[in-house]
Structure formats: C-alpha cells, structure tokens
Amino acid sequence: MVVSHPAGGYRRGMRSAALLCACPALHLFAAPADAKQPGPGAPGAKHTWAPADKHGFGTAHQRAGNAYFTLRSGSLSEVYFPDLSTPAFRGLQLAVTDGRTFLDRETVDDDPAHIEPVAPGVSARVEPLRRALGFRQVTRTARWRLTKTWITDPASPTVLVRVRLQSLTGKRLRLFVLADPAPGDDGNDDRASTQPARLVAFDDSAASAIVARPALRRTSSGYKGAESDPWRDLQADKRLSGYEAAAPGNVVQAAQTRLDASAASE
C-alpha cells in the first residue's frame, strides 16, 4: 500500500528516518521467500478504535493526497482513507530500549478503560508547523527524546513522519515501531504479510504498509493481547520473535528500525 519517500540523515547521537503509512485500495502482496512462523493467539482481543481526544489533524491540499491523520499527545492515533468517513489505521507509536534494562513506549494503548494515556514517565506535546499542514510531536523521558514531524504526501495517500531519536544518558538505544493497522474500517478481520523490510496488513477491501529509510531491520506481526502481540514479545527479552499473522484477526505489528542513538546532541 505504501511507497517510501523518506528523508534521512545521521549525526552522532541523533539518527533520522522517515516512516510511512497509508491506506489505498487493496493491493496483492506476494508471500516473502523467508516465511515466518505463524503467530499464536488468533484472532486476538476485540478491536476498538482509539480515544477521541485529538491534538492534531493533518492532510494535503491536493486531492491526490487523500490520506487524513489525527494525533494524540504522544502518538499517531488514526489514518483515514479514502475519505474522513473511513478510518483505516488505528495507531502508530514508538518504543525505546537499551536492549537489556528497560523498554519504554509512548502511549499505553492496552489500557482496559480505553483512556490510553501517555506511558508512565513520558511527557508529550504537539505543535503545528508554521509553513506546512503538519505537526511536530515531541515525547521524552529522562533517558531519551523523540521528535517526530508529521505530514502527508500531496501526490499519494501516504502519511510521512521524520523521526529523530536522542539518547539523554549517552547509552546506545534501539528504536522499534509499534503499529495497529485496521484497513477497511474493521480491525477484526485482518491478516499480515511480515516481509523483511516492511509491515503489510490487509483484508478483503484495503491494505496498509509501513516502510522506512534506512530500511526496517526486523519485523513481526501477531494478534492483539496474544502471545504473538509484538509488544508482549518485546517485553519478554527486548527482541522480536518474527511472527506471521496469516489467520484473520486483530493484527498488530512491530519492526526494529536502524536508529541507535548513543549520545545526546542538538
């Protein structure tokens, strides 16, 4: 569903990449050559849409850029396609770890009351860009800071985000993407093709994809709340097992990025 148009760069302690997600009409994706093990726990927990508190709304002036996104204080909360009546992606957030002692994410998206606040120890803010229809979103703890700049592609139904990760302690950090797709306005009947450098989800009417530059490193797709849920998987050992969500259900996905900030820098 998505094509990558990112801008990236490197500086000591600050690495940048662009992650993209959009929801055009159904695409057919060939199965990857290195098929992953089936994720246990289908269909997973029942799908619910994100809370209604919004801190930003963005789209493009041009009709070809008919993707619409909303932001909560700490994360992307929905993408709509092909119009505002059709939510097609529930949310995207980032998780930070040193690979051993801690694992932080931006938003508590499995909150049983569905209030879904920012995660403990995380502060967040959203600011509109001055000369573009987009937003700058900053989340941070005492150990790291993430700066995300959100816009849409005026020529295609694609949401783009430039991500900047900074370590505030000097420790090397790893960055993961946590995604909750829901193509076709239904998050209970999706499947996923977990390919080496992109996350693809689809049902019988629509599809979504997440790609990045530098390319994603490790990918996994599972079912919300189940053993194969990537967030639960990461909590176990700070690594992804690499599941494939071949059966229909409430698919959730994750990927390790190539960002590994090692020192604070402005």
Foldseek 3Di string as FASTA:
>chain_A
DDDDDWDWDDDAQKTKKKKKKFKDKDDDDDFAPPAFAAFPDPQADADDAADDDFDAKFFDPALQQQWIWTDDFAWTAFIAPPHPVRTWWGTKWKWKDLQADDIATFWDCVPVVNPIGTDPQKDKGWAADDPARWIWIWIDGQFKIKIKIWHIDNNHNMIMIMIMIGTAPLGWMWMKMKTFTHGPRGQFFKFWRWYQFKTKIDHPIMIMMMAMVVTFGAKAKYHYPDPRRQVVVCVVRNDHPHHGGGGTHRMMMMTIHPGIRRHGDD
